[in-house]
Amino acid sequence: MYYNEVGITDISIDNTVGTARLVKDINNSRAAIVLGTYASACSNCPFMPSGTWDFMVEPPVLPTDPANISEVIITTAGAEMKMDDIFEGTTPFCYTGGPYAPFFWQDSDPVENRYEIYATGQQWI
C-alpha cells in the first residue's frame, strides 16, 4: 500500500508545538528542502525587508526535470512566519507554453553548481 500525504500533527519538541509532512523520493529523483535568505530595499513591503526564504520541492518524474515547488516558508527578521502551498501558474517571457507552476532546477554536475528558481506572479493572501 502506498501513502502520498503522510503527515505528523500535534508534535511537541522543546515545548514548541508543530506539524510535519513527509515526502518520499521516487524513481531515483530526490525531494529537497532549499534554504536561503532574502534582502529587499522595499520600504512599503507587507513584511520585513530581510529574513529567510525556504521552500520544499517534490521529486521530479525524471532526475533531469525541474522539480515543482510545493511549499514556501518565509520567516522575517522580526520572527513573523508566512507559509504558502497554493501557487499561481504563469508564463514568463523566456519560456513558451505554460502556465507553469513554480519550480526549482539544479544542474547534476557538481562542478557547475547551476540552479534556477522560477516563481513569478505569486501573491500572499
Protein backbone atom coordinates (compact mmCIF):
# COMPACT_ATOMS: atom_id res chain seq x y z
CA MET A 1 0.00 0.00 0.00
CA TYR A 2 1.31 3.50 -0.88
CA TYR A 3 0.70 6.71 1.02
CA ASN A 4 1.16 10.08 -0.69
CA GLU A 5 0.21 12.55 2.02
CA VAL A 6 1.88 11.37 5.22
CA GLY A 7 1.70 13.97 7.96
CA ILE A 8 2.53 14.37 11.62
CA THR A 9 0.26 16.52 13.79
CA ASP A 10 0.38 17.67 17.39
CA ILE A 11 4.12 17.14 17.73
CA SER A 12 5.96 18.93 20.53
CA ILE A 13 9.73 19.47 20.51
CA ASP A 14 11.31 21.59 23.26
CA ASN A 15 7.84 22.89 24.21
CA THR A 16 7.14 24.07 20.65
CA VAL A 17 4.04 22.53 19.05
CA GLY A 18 4.05 21.92 15.30
CA THR A 19 3.23 19.71 12.36
CA ALA A 20 5.30 17.96 9.69
CA ARG A 21 4.80 16.43 6.27
CA LEU A 22 6.85 13.59 4.80
CA VAL A 23 7.78 13.27 1.13
CA LYS A 24 9.26 10.14 -0.43
CA ASP A 25 11.92 10.14 -3.13
CA ILE A 26 10.69 8.45 -6.31
CA ASN A 27 12.39 6.85 -9.33
CA ASN A 28 15.88 8.00 -8.30
CA SER A 29 14.59 11.58 -8.06
CA ARG A 30 15.06 13.41 -4.78
CA ALA A 31 12.73 15.63 -2.83
CA ALA A 32 14.61 18.58 -1.36
CA ILE A 33 14.45 21.43 1.08
CA VAL A 34 16.15 24.56 -0.26
CA LEU A 35 17.21 27.12 2.34
CA GLY A 36 18.02 30.74 1.59
CA THR A 37 17.87 34.32 2.75
CA TYR A 38 16.37 37.43 1.23
CA ALA A 39 17.02 41.15 1.49
CA SER A 40 14.90 43.87 -0.08
CA ALA A 41 15.17 47.63 -0.40
CA CYS A 42 11.35 47.83 -0.36
CA SER A 43 10.23 50.27 2.33
CA ASN A 44 6.49 49.61 1.85
CA CYS A 45 6.63 45.80 1.84
CA PRO A 46 4.00 43.93 3.89
CA PHE A 47 6.81 42.04 5.64
CA MET A 48 10.27 42.82 6.98
CA PRO A 49 12.93 43.65 4.38
CA SER A 50 15.12 40.65 5.32
CA GLY A 51 14.78 37.11 6.60
CA THR A 52 14.80 33.51 5.42
CA TRP A 53 13.06 32.17 2.32
CA ASP A 54 12.89 28.39 2.33
CA PHE A 55 10.97 26.02 0.08
CA MET A 56 10.31 22.34 -0.48
CA VAL A 57 10.43 20.70 -3.90
CA GLU A 58 8.70 17.46 -4.83
CA PRO A 59 10.75 14.77 -6.59
CA PRO A 60 10.62 15.27 -10.38
CA VAL A 61 9.48 12.47 -12.68
CA LEU A 62 12.98 12.25 -14.21
CA PRO A 63 16.13 13.35 -12.36
CA THR A 64 16.91 15.86 -15.17
CA ASP A 65 13.46 17.52 -14.97
CA PRO A 66 12.76 20.61 -12.87
CA ALA A 67 11.10 19.89 -9.53
CA ASN A 68 7.86 21.68 -8.65
CA ILE A 69 7.99 23.88 -5.58
CA SER A 70 5.31 22.55 -3.26
CA GLU A 71 5.63 24.75 -0.18
CA VAL A 72 7.30 28.03 0.75
CA ILE A 73 8.07 29.33 4.24
CA ILE A 74 9.24 32.91 4.76
CA THR A 75 10.45 33.96 8.20
CA THR A 76 11.15 37.64 8.71
CA ALA A 77 13.87 39.18 10.84
CA GLY A 78 11.02 40.12 13.20
CA ALA A 79 10.11 36.39 13.62
CA GLU A 80 6.89 36.61 11.56
CA MET A 81 6.29 33.43 9.57
CA LYS A 82 4.30 33.09 6.34
CA MET A 83 3.64 29.77 4.61
CA ASP A 84 2.13 29.10 1.20
CA ASP A 85 1.30 25.92 -0.71
CA ILE A 86 -1.12 27.29 -3.31
CA PHE A 87 0.70 28.71 -6.32
CA GLU A 88 -0.43 30.65 -9.36
CA GLY A 89 0.74 29.40 -12.75
CA THR A 90 2.33 31.95 -15.08
CA THR A 91 4.29 32.05 -18.31
CA PRO A 92 7.35 34.34 -18.25
CA PHE A 93 8.85 35.86 -21.39
CA CYS A 94 11.75 33.36 -21.56
CA TYR A 95 9.55 30.23 -21.65
CA THR A 96 6.93 29.05 -24.11
CA GLY A 97 3.79 27.16 -23.20
CA GLY A 98 2.55 27.18 -19.66
CA PRO A 99 1.21 28.30 -17.41
CA TYR A 100 3.93 26.81 -15.23
CA ALA A 101 3.84 26.14 -11.51
CA PRO A 102 6.87 27.46 -9.59
CA PHE A 103 9.85 25.15 -9.98
CA PHE A 104 13.46 24.60 -8.95
CA TRP A 105 16.08 23.15 -11.28
CA GLN A 106 19.67 22.26 -10.43
CA ASP A 107 22.37 21.03 -12.77
CA SER A 108 23.51 17.50 -11.91
CA ASP A 109 27.16 18.49 -12.47
CA PRO A 110 28.58 19.38 -9.00
CA VAL A 111 31.39 21.42 -10.58
CA GLU A 112 28.98 23.71 -12.46
CA ASN A 113 26.60 24.15 -9.49
CA ARG A 114 23.99 25.90 -11.65
CA TYR A 115 20.41 26.28 -10.49
CA GLU A 116 17.23 28.11 -11.41
CA ILE A 117 14.28 29.16 -9.28
CA TYR A 118 11.11 30.15 -11.10
CA ALA A 119 8.16 31.59 -9.17
CA THR A 120 6.84 34.69 -10.95
CA GLY A 121 3.42 36.20 -10.37
CA GLN A 122 2.92 34.78 -6.88
CA GLN A 123 0.98 36.61 -4.19
CA TRP A 124 0.36 36.15 -0.49
CA ILE A 125 -3.21 36.21 0.78
